[in-house]
Every structure is written in C-alpha cells, then in structure tokens.
C-alpha cells in the first residue's frame, strides 16, 4: 500500500527577493503557507519556493495578484510523488 499524499501546491518564483516579498504579503494577509526549498524534481537550482494547500490557493492568488508578485510556475503534488504544472 502506497503512502497517502497530502495535496500541496508549490509556487516557484523568479528569485529570492520575489519569493521573500511573496512570503511577506501572504503572511500579512493571513494566508497559511510555508517557505520551502524548491523540490529537486522541479528544479536543479538551489532556491526557495512557497507551499500552500489547495483550499488556500484562491486566497494566495488574490493576494499575490494584488501585490504584483506572481509565481514563475505552479506545481501540484499528485499521487506517486509526481508534481504536475498548472496555471496559477
């Protein structure tokens, strides 16, 4: 029996400054999130990303759109530890 995967959405930004600004805006708006290393399956670059859960996605999109800080790419974790890229 495989392990159960908790759905999560990973937001990848263009650089450290942008991800830190996104984190600040999300926290200020009360959006639950976590700063994480970019999963190696998504990028070989050393960097940071933001993890949110699906039920917080719309609020995160609203906050980041309003602040003008949009992710470069968005990935959702599916069964089998596979990330799929999706529109934000």
PDB file of N, CA and C in Angstrom:
ATOM      1  N   UNK A   1       0.831  -1.170   0.000  1.00  0.00           N
ATOM      2  CA  UNK A   1       0.000   0.000   0.000  1.00  0.00           C
ATOM      3  C   UNK A   1       0.886   1.247   0.000  1.00  0.00           C
ATOM      4  N   UNK A   2       0.675   2.177  -0.951  1.00  0.00           N
ATOM      5  CA  UNK A   2       1.482   3.388  -1.057  1.00  0.00           C
ATOM      6  C   UNK A   2       1.103   4.393   0.005  1.00  0.00           C
ATOM      7  N   UNK A   3       2.027   5.309   0.238  1.00  0.00           N
ATOM      8  CA  UNK A   3       1.719   6.317   1.242  1.00  0.00           C
ATOM      9  C   UNK A   3       0.719   7.326   0.694  1.00  0.00           C
ATOM     10  N   UNK A   4      -0.081   7.854   1.569  1.00  0.00           N
ATOM     11  CA  UNK A   4      -1.078   8.852   1.193  1.00  0.00           C
ATOM     12  C   UNK A   4      -0.385  10.198   1.012  1.00  0.00           C
ATOM     13  N   UNK A   5      -0.678  10.867  -0.074  1.00  0.00           N
ATOM     14  CA  UNK A   5      -0.059  12.151  -0.362  1.00  0.00           C
ATOM     15  C   UNK A   5      -1.024  13.264   0.025  1.00  0.00           C
ATOM     16  N   UNK A   6      -0.538  14.159   0.843  1.00  0.00           N
ATOM     17  CA  UNK A   6      -1.327  15.332   1.198  1.00  0.00           C
ATOM     18  C   UNK A   6      -1.161  16.339   0.072  1.00  0.00           C
ATOM     19  N   UNK A   7      -2.268  16.757  -0.552  1.00  0.00           N
ATOM     20  CA  UNK A   7      -2.125  17.680  -1.665  1.00  0.00           C
ATOM     21  C   UNK A   7      -1.426  18.962  -1.233  1.00  0.00           C
ATOM     22  N   UNK A   8      -0.540  19.424  -2.053  1.00  0.00           N
ATOM     23  CA  UNK A   8       0.118  20.695  -1.791  1.00  0.00           C
ATOM     24  C   UNK A   8       0.416  21.361  -3.119  1.00  0.00           C
ATOM     25  N   UNK A   9       0.499  22.661  -3.073  1.00  0.00           N
ATOM     26  CA  UNK A   9       0.803  23.439  -4.265  1.00  0.00           C
ATOM     27  C   UNK A   9       2.101  24.174  -4.003  1.00  0.00           C
ATOM     28  N   UNK A  10       3.035  24.061  -4.944  1.00  0.00           N
ATOM     29  CA  UNK A  10       4.340  24.700  -4.815  1.00  0.00           C
ATOM     30  C   UNK A  10       4.411  25.851  -5.811  1.00  0.00           C
ATOM     31  N   UNK A  11       4.682  27.039  -5.287  1.00  0.00           N
ATOM     32  CA  UNK A  11       4.822  28.242  -6.107  1.00  0.00           C
ATOM     33  C   UNK A  11       6.307  28.559  -6.243  1.00  0.00           C
ATOM     34  N   UNK A  12       6.782  28.604  -7.489  1.00  0.00           N
ATOM     35  CA  UNK A  12       8.189  28.901  -7.752  1.00  0.00           C
ATOM     36  C   UNK A  12       8.279  30.297  -8.357  1.00  0.00           C
ATOM     37  N   UNK A  13       9.192  31.096  -7.814  1.00  0.00           N
ATOM     38  CA  UNK A  13       9.343  32.485  -8.231  1.00  0.00           C
ATOM     39  C   UNK A  13      10.656  32.687  -8.983  1.00  0.00           C
ATOM     40  N   UNK A  14      10.824  33.869  -9.538  1.00  0.00           N
ATOM     41  CA  UNK A  14      11.996  34.170 -10.366  1.00  0.00           C
ATOM     42  C   UNK A  14      13.281  34.337  -9.559  1.00  0.00           C
ATOM     43  N   UNK A  15      13.167  34.660  -8.297  1.00  0.00           N
ATOM     44  CA  UNK A  15      14.372  34.848  -7.499  1.00  0.00           C
ATOM     45  C   UNK A  15      14.045  34.960  -6.022  1.00  0.00           C
ATOM     46  N   UNK A  16      15.081  34.998  -5.228  1.00  0.00           N
ATOM     47  CA  UNK A  16      14.935  35.027  -3.775  1.00  0.00           C
ATOM     48  C   UNK A  16      14.179  36.270  -3.306  1.00  0.00           C
ATOM     49  N   UNK A  17      14.488  37.418  -3.880  1.00  0.00           N
ATOM     50  CA  UNK A  17      13.808  38.650  -3.476  1.00  0.00           C
ATOM     51  C   UNK A  17      12.297  38.537  -3.700  1.00  0.00           C
ATOM     52  N   UNK A  18      11.919  37.981  -4.847  1.00  0.00           N
ATOM     53  CA  UNK A  18      10.499  37.850  -5.169  1.00  0.00           C
ATOM     54  C   UNK A  18       9.799  36.869  -4.227  1.00  0.00           C
ATOM     55  N   UNK A  19      10.439  35.738  -3.926  1.00  0.00           N
ATOM     56  CA  UNK A  19       9.814  34.762  -3.034  1.00  0.00           C
ATOM     57  C   UNK A  19       9.682  35.324  -1.616  1.00  0.00           C
ATOM     58  N   UNK A  20      10.652  36.110  -1.187  1.00  0.00           N
ATOM     59  CA  UNK A  20      10.575  36.710   0.141  1.00  0.00           C
ATOM     60  C   UNK A  20       9.468  37.768   0.198  1.00  0.00           C
ATOM     61  N   UNK A  21       9.306  38.530  -0.865  1.00  0.00           N
ATOM     62  CA  UNK A  21       8.219  39.511  -0.927  1.00  0.00           C
ATOM     63  C   UNK A  21       6.861  38.812  -0.928  1.00  0.00           C
ATOM     64  N   UNK A  22       6.764  37.708  -1.674  1.00  0.00           N
ATOM     65  CA  UNK A  22       5.513  36.940  -1.710  1.00  0.00           C
ATOM     66  C   UNK A  22       5.200  36.393  -0.320  1.00  0.00           C
ATOM     67  N   UNK A  23       6.208  35.860   0.360  1.00  0.00           N
ATOM     68  CA  UNK A  23       6.015  35.343   1.717  1.00  0.00           C
ATOM     69  C   UNK A  23       5.492  36.441   2.642  1.00  0.00           C
ATOM     70  N   UNK A  24       6.103  37.610   2.587  1.00  0.00           N
ATOM     71  CA  UNK A  24       5.693  38.735   3.443  1.00  0.00           C
ATOM     72  C   UNK A  24       4.229  39.100   3.191  1.00  0.00           C
ATOM     73  N   UNK A  25       3.839  39.194   1.919  1.00  0.00           N
ATOM     74  CA  UNK A  25       2.459  39.568   1.584  1.00  0.00           C
ATOM     75  C   UNK A  25       1.454  38.500   2.004  1.00  0.00           C
ATOM     76  N   UNK A  26       1.795  37.235   1.803  1.00  0.00           N
ATOM     77  CA  UNK A  26       0.891  36.152   2.184  1.00  0.00           C
ATOM     78  C   UNK A  26       0.712  36.102   3.700  1.00  0.00           C
ATOM     79  N   UNK A  27       1.808  36.237   4.433  1.00  0.00           N
ATOM     80  CA  UNK A  27       1.725  36.222   5.899  1.00  0.00           C
ATOM     81  C   UNK A  27       0.902  37.402   6.402  1.00  0.00           C
ATOM     82  N   UNK A  28       1.146  38.567   5.832  1.00  0.00           N
ATOM     83  CA  UNK A  28       0.411  39.773   6.245  1.00  0.00           C
ATOM     84  C   UNK A  28      -1.091  39.597   6.029  1.00  0.00           C
ATOM     85  N   UNK A  29      -1.466  38.878   4.952  1.00  0.00           N
ATOM     86  CA  UNK A  29      -2.881  38.647   4.635  1.00  0.00           C
ATOM     87  C   UNK A  29      -3.452  37.443   5.385  1.00  0.00           C
ATOM     88  N   UNK A  30      -2.614  36.745   6.157  1.00  0.00           N
ATOM     89  CA  UNK A  30      -3.094  35.606   6.932  1.00  0.00           C
ATOM     90  C   UNK A  30      -3.288  34.329   6.127  1.00  0.00           C
ATOM     91  N   UNK A  31      -2.623  34.223   4.980  1.00  0.00           N
ATOM     92  CA  UNK A  31      -2.727  33.013   4.152  1.00  0.00           C
ATOM     93  C   UNK A  31      -1.745  31.972   4.699  1.00  0.00           C
ATOM     94  N   UNK A  32      -2.233  30.795   5.107  1.00  0.00           N
ATOM     95  CA  UNK A  32      -1.324  29.752   5.591  1.00  0.00           C
ATOM     96  C   UNK A  32      -0.370  29.325   4.469  1.00  0.00           C
ATOM     97  N   UNK A  33       0.922  29.347   4.760  1.00  0.00           N
ATOM     98  CA  UNK A  33       1.930  28.978   3.766  1.00  0.00           C
ATOM     99  C   UNK A  33       3.205  28.586   4.482  1.00  0.00           C
ATOM    100  N   UNK A  34       4.116  28.033   3.713  1.00  0.00           N
ATOM    101  CA  UNK A  34       5.423  27.679   4.269  1.00  0.00           C
ATOM    102  C   UNK A  34       6.481  27.922   3.208  1.00  0.00           C
ATOM    103  N   UNK A  35       7.579  28.510   3.619  1.00  0.00           N
ATOM    104  CA  UNK A  35       8.737  28.681   2.750  1.00  0.00           C
ATOM    105  C   UNK A  35       9.495  27.362   2.750  1.00  0.00           C
ATOM    106  N   UNK A  36       9.779  26.826   1.560  1.00  0.00           N
ATOM    107  CA  UNK A  36      10.434  25.516   1.451  1.00  0.00           C
ATOM    108  C   UNK A  36      11.540  25.580   0.394  1.00  0.00           C
ATOM    109  N   UNK A  37      12.487  24.655   0.436  1.00  0.00           N
ATOM    110  CA  UNK A  37      13.430  24.545  -0.679  1.00  0.00           C
ATOM    111  C   UNK A  37      12.670  24.057  -1.911  1.00  0.00           C
ATOM    112  N   UNK A  38      13.059  24.521  -3.081  1.00  0.00           N
ATOM    113  CA  UNK A  38      12.422  24.041  -4.312  1.00  0.00           C
ATOM    114  C   UNK A  38      12.700  22.539  -4.418  1.00  0.00           C
ATOM    115  N   UNK A  39      11.652  21.720  -4.557  1.00  0.00           N
ATOM    116  CA  UNK A  39      11.882  20.273  -4.704  1.00  0.00           C
ATOM    117  C   UNK A  39      12.781  19.982  -5.916  1.00  0.00           C
ATOM    118  N   UNK A  40      13.731  19.087  -5.743  1.00  0.00           N
ATOM    119  CA  UNK A  40      14.693  18.769  -6.808  1.00  0.00           C
ATOM    120  C   UNK A  40      14.011  18.275  -8.080  1.00  0.00           C
ATOM    121  N   UNK A  41      12.862  17.652  -7.935  1.00  0.00           N
ATOM    122  CA  UNK A  41      12.136  17.171  -9.122  1.00  0.00           C
ATOM    123  C   UNK A  41      11.651  18.325  -9.983  1.00  0.00           C
ATOM    124  N   UNK A  42      11.572  19.514  -9.399  1.00  0.00           N
ATOM    125  CA  UNK A  42      11.057  20.670 -10.132  1.00  0.00           C
ATOM    126  C   UNK A  42      12.161  21.565 -10.676  1.00  0.00           C
ATOM    127  N   UNK A  43      13.303  21.595 -10.005  1.00  0.00           N
ATOM    128  CA  UNK A  43      14.393  22.449 -10.456  1.00  0.00           C
ATOM    129  C   UNK A  43      15.694  21.981  -9.824  1.00  0.00           C
ATOM    130  N   UNK A  44      16.755  22.030 -10.610  1.00  0.00           N
ATOM    131  CA  UNK A  44      18.060  21.666 -10.064  1.00  0.00           C
ATOM    132  C   UNK A  44      18.724  22.873  -9.413  1.00  0.00           C
ATOM    133  N   UNK A  45      18.123  24.042  -9.601  1.00  0.00           N
ATOM    134  CA  UNK A  45      18.655  25.253  -8.986  1.00  0.00           C
ATOM    135  C   UNK A  45      18.472  25.192  -7.478  1.00  0.00           C
ATOM    136  N   UNK A  46      19.392  25.807  -6.788  1.00  0.00           N
ATOM    137  CA  UNK A  46      19.229  25.960  -5.348  1.00  0.00           C
ATOM    138  C   UNK A  46      18.327  27.170  -5.152  1.00  0.00           C
ATOM    139  N   UNK A  47      17.215  27.000  -4.454  1.00  0.00           N
ATOM    140  CA  UNK A  47      16.328  28.134  -4.278  1.00  0.00           C
ATOM    141  C   UNK A  47      15.189  27.834  -3.338  1.00  0.00           C
ATOM    142  N   UNK A  48      14.360  28.833  -3.151  1.00  0.00           N
ATOM    143  CA  UNK A  48      13.221  28.738  -2.253  1.00  0.00           C
ATOM    144  C   UNK A  48      11.927  28.794  -3.033  1.00  0.00           C
ATOM    145  N   UNK A  49      10.907  28.192  -2.458  1.00  0.00           N
ATOM    146  CA  UNK A  49       9.571  28.199  -3.039  1.00  0.00           C
ATOM    147  C   UNK A  49       8.583  28.390  -1.889  1.00  0.00           C
ATOM    148  N   UNK A  50       7.326  28.570  -2.247  1.00  0.00           N
ATOM    149  CA  UNK A  50       6.270  28.685  -1.241  1.00  0.00           C
ATOM    150  C   UNK A  50       5.289  27.537  -1.434  1.00  0.00           C
ATOM    151  N   UNK A  51       4.937  26.901  -0.320  1.00  0.00           N
ATOM    152  CA  UNK A  51       3.951  25.817  -0.349  1.00  0.00           C
ATOM    153  C   UNK A  51       2.651  26.318   0.258  1.00  0.00           C
ATOM    154  N   UNK A  52       1.557  26.101  -0.466  1.00  0.00           N
ATOM    155  CA  UNK A  52       0.221  26.369   0.063  1.00  0.00           C
ATOM    156  C   UNK A  52      -0.616  25.116  -0.185  1.00  0.00           C
ATOM    157  N   UNK A  53      -1.716  25.028   0.518  1.00  0.00           N
ATOM    158  CA  UNK A  53      -2.603  23.890   0.318  1.00  0.00           C
ATOM    159  C   UNK A  53      -3.749  24.304  -0.595  1.00  0.00           C
ATOM    160  N   UNK A  54      -4.352  23.348  -1.293  1.00  0.00           N
ATOM    161  CA  UNK A  54      -5.371  23.676  -2.300  1.00  0.00           C
ATOM    162  C   UNK A  54      -6.498  24.585  -1.802  1.00  0.00           C
ATOM    163  N   UNK A  55      -6.930  24.419  -0.560  1.00  0.00           N
ATOM    164  CA  UNK A  55      -8.030  25.262  -0.083  1.00  0.00           C
ATOM    165  C   UNK A  55      -7.610  26.713   0.155  1.00  0.00           C
ATOM    166  N   UNK A  56      -6.311  27.004   0.107  1.00  0.00           N
ATOM    167  CA  UNK A  56      -5.799  28.373   0.263  1.00  0.00           C
ATOM    168  C   UNK A  56      -5.344  28.980  -1.064  1.00  0.00           C
ATOM    169  N   UNK A  57      -5.479  28.232  -2.142  1.00  0.00           N
ATOM    170  CA  UNK A  57      -4.961  28.658  -3.446  1.00  0.00           C
ATOM    171  C   UNK A  57      -5.608  29.953  -3.946  1.00  0.00           C
ATOM    172  N   UNK A  58      -6.934  30.036  -3.880  1.00  0.00           N
ATOM    173  CA  UNK A  58      -7.610  31.228  -4.395  1.00  0.00           C
ATOM    174  C   UNK A  58      -7.215  32.477  -3.615  1.00  0.00           C
ATOM    175  N   UNK A  59      -7.129  32.347  -2.315  1.00  0.00           N
ATOM    176  CA  UNK A  59      -6.727  33.493  -1.487  1.00  0.00           C
ATOM    177  C   UNK A  59      -5.286  33.894  -1.786  1.00  0.00           C
ATOM    178  N   UNK A  60      -4.390  32.915  -1.942  1.00  0.00           N
ATOM    179  CA  UNK A  60      -2.993  33.212  -2.282  1.00  0.00           C
ATOM    180  C   UNK A  60      -2.917  33.922  -3.632  1.00  0.00           C
ATOM    181  N   UNK A  61      -3.689  33.443  -4.600  1.00  0.00           N
ATOM    182  CA  UNK A  61      -3.697  34.063  -5.940  1.00  0.00           C
ATOM    183  C   UNK A  61      -4.168  35.514  -5.838  1.00  0.00           C
ATOM    184  N   UNK A  62      -5.221  35.738  -5.056  1.00  0.00           N
ATOM    185  CA  UNK A  62      -5.765  37.088  -4.879  1.00  0.00           C
ATOM    186  C   UNK A  62      -4.717  38.026  -4.269  1.00  0.00           C
ATOM    187  N   UNK A  63      -4.066  37.585  -3.208  1.00  0.00           N
ATOM    188  CA  UNK A  63      -3.074  38.405  -2.517  1.00  0.00           C
ATOM    189  C   UNK A  63      -1.878  38.689  -3.422  1.00  0.00           C
ATOM    190  N   UNK A  64      -1.370  37.674  -4.099  1.00  0.00           N
ATOM    191  CA  UNK A  64      -0.187  37.858  -4.934  1.00  0.00           C
ATOM    192  C   UNK A  64      -0.493  38.678  -6.188  1.00  0.00           C
ATOM    193  N   UNK A  65      -1.680  38.512  -6.746  1.00  0.00           N
ATOM    194  CA  UNK A  65      -2.075  39.315  -7.908  1.00  0.00           C
ATOM    195  C   UNK A  65      -2.168  40.784  -7.508  1.00  0.00           C
ATOM    196  N   UNK A  66      -2.798  41.039  -6.383  1.00  0.00           N
ATOM    197  CA  UNK A  66      -2.940  42.410  -5.891  1.00  0.00           C
ATOM    198  C   UNK A  66      -1.579  43.054  -5.622  1.00  0.00           C
ATOM    199  N   UNK A  67      -0.615  42.265  -5.151  1.00  0.00           N
ATOM    200  CA  UNK A  67       0.707  42.814  -4.841  1.00  0.00           C
ATOM    201  C   UNK A  67       1.641  42.817  -6.056  1.00  0.00           C
ATOM    202  N   UNK A  68       1.193  42.231  -7.174  1.00  0.00           N
ATOM    203  CA  UNK A  68       2.013  42.221  -8.393  1.00  0.00           C
ATOM    204  C   UNK A  68       3.170  41.248  -8.357  1.00  0.00           C
ATOM    205  N   UNK A  69       3.081  40.237  -7.508  1.00  0.00           N
ATOM    206  CA  UNK A  69       4.140  39.234  -7.372  1.00  0.00           C
ATOM    207  C   UNK A  69       3.568  37.879  -7.770  1.00  0.00           C
ATOM    208  N   UNK A  70       3.739  37.520  -9.023  1.00  0.00           N
ATOM    209  CA  UNK A  70       3.184  36.253  -9.496  1.00  0.00           C
ATOM    210  C   UNK A  70       4.290  35.213  -9.651  1.00  0.00           C
ATOM    211  N   UNK A  71       3.976  33.959  -9.332  1.00  0.00           N
ATOM    212  CA  UNK A  71       4.989  32.909  -9.465  1.00  0.00           C
ATOM    213  C   UNK A  71       5.339  32.646 -10.921  1.00  0.00           C
ATOM    214  N   UNK A  72       6.558  32.179 -11.133  1.00  0.00           N
ATOM    215  CA  UNK A  72       7.024  31.784 -12.469  1.00  0.00           C
ATOM    216  C   UNK A  72       6.330  30.499 -12.903  1.00  0.00           C
ATOM    217  N   UNK A  73       6.128  29.600 -11.938  1.00  0.00           N
ATOM    218  CA  UNK A  73       5.414  28.354 -12.228  1.00  0.00           C
ATOM    219  C   UNK A  73       4.728  27.853 -10.961  1.00  0.00           C
ATOM    220  N   UNK A  74       3.702  27.029 -11.173  1.00  0.00           N
ATOM    221  CA  UNK A  74       2.894  26.477 -10.098  1.00  0.00           C
ATOM    222  C   UNK A  74       2.783  24.975 -10.314  1.00  0.00           C
ATOM    223  N   UNK A  75       3.027  24.208  -9.278  1.00  0.00           N
ATOM    224  CA  UNK A  75       3.021  22.747  -9.373  1.00  0.00           C
ATOM    225  C   UNK A  75       2.181  22.170  -8.251  1.00  0.00           C
ATOM    226  N   UNK A  76       1.372  21.162  -8.584  1.00  0.00           N
ATOM    227  CA  UNK A  76       0.565  20.494  -7.567  1.00  0.00           C
ATOM    228  C   UNK A  76       1.059  19.062  -7.417  1.00  0.00           C
ATOM    229  N   UNK A  77       1.194  18.631  -6.162  1.00  0.00           N
ATOM    230  CA  UNK A  77       1.663  17.280  -5.873  1.00  0.00           C
ATOM    231  C   UNK A  77       0.509  16.304  -6.043  1.00  0.00           C
ATOM    232  N   UNK A  78       0.721  15.299  -6.878  1.00  0.00           N
ATOM    233  CA  UNK A  78      -0.284  14.267  -7.147  1.00  0.00           C
ATOM    234  C   UNK A  78       0.174  12.952  -6.527  1.00  0.00           C
ATOM    235  N   UNK A  79      -0.658  11.930  -6.665  1.00  0.00           N
ATOM    236  CA  UNK A  79      -0.300  10.591  -6.173  1.00  0.00           C
ATOM    237  C   UNK A  79       1.024  10.139  -6.803  1.00  0.00           C
ATOM    238  N   UNK A  80       1.754   9.347  -6.072  1.00  0.00           N
ATOM    239  CA  UNK A  80       3.009   8.812  -6.575  1.00  0.00           C
ATOM    240  C   UNK A  80       4.142   9.819  -6.541  1.00  0.00           C
ATOM    241  N   UNK A  81       4.016  10.837  -5.690  1.00  0.00           N
ATOM    242  CA  UNK A  81       5.060  11.868  -5.555  1.00  0.00           C
ATOM    243  C   UNK A  81       5.376  12.558  -6.872  1.00  0.00           C
ATOM    244  N   UNK A  82       4.365  12.756  -7.704  1.00  0.00           N
ATOM    245  CA  UNK A  82       4.531  13.394  -9.006  1.00  0.00           C
ATOM    246  C   UNK A  82       3.948  14.800  -8.950  1.00  0.00           C
ATOM    247  N   UNK A  83       4.716  15.770  -9.412  1.00  0.00           N
ATOM    248  CA  UNK A  83       4.226  17.145  -9.496  1.00  0.00           C
ATOM    249  C   UNK A  83       3.752  17.419 -10.917  1.00  0.00           C
ATOM    250  N   UNK A  84       2.593  18.065 -11.024  1.00  0.00           N
ATOM    251  CA  UNK A  84       2.071  18.498 -12.316  1.00  0.00           C
ATOM    252  C   UNK A  84       2.061  20.019 -12.333  1.00  0.00           C
ATOM    253  N   UNK A  85       2.537  20.605 -13.446  1.00  0.00           N
ATOM    254  CA  UNK A  85       2.480  22.060 -13.570  1.00  0.00           C
ATOM    255  C   UNK A  85       1.063  22.467 -13.952  1.00  0.00           C
ATOM    256  N   UNK A  86       0.606  23.525 -13.327  1.00  0.00           N
ATOM    257  CA  UNK A  86      -0.748  24.040 -13.571  1.00  0.00           C
ATOM    258  C   UNK A  86      -0.716  25.543 -13.646  1.00  0.00           C
ATOM    259  N   UNK A  87      -1.729  26.131 -14.281  1.00  0.00           N
ATOM    260  CA  UNK A  87      -1.823  27.614 -14.238  1.00  0.00           C
ATOM    261  C   UNK A  87      -2.157  28.053 -12.821  1.00  0.00           C
ATOM    262  N   UNK A  88      -1.713  29.244 -12.468  1.00  0.00           N
ATOM    263  CA  UNK A  88      -1.980  29.788 -11.144  1.00  0.00           C
ATOM    264  C   UNK A  88      -3.421  30.222 -11.070  1.00  0.00           C
TER     265      UNK A  88
END
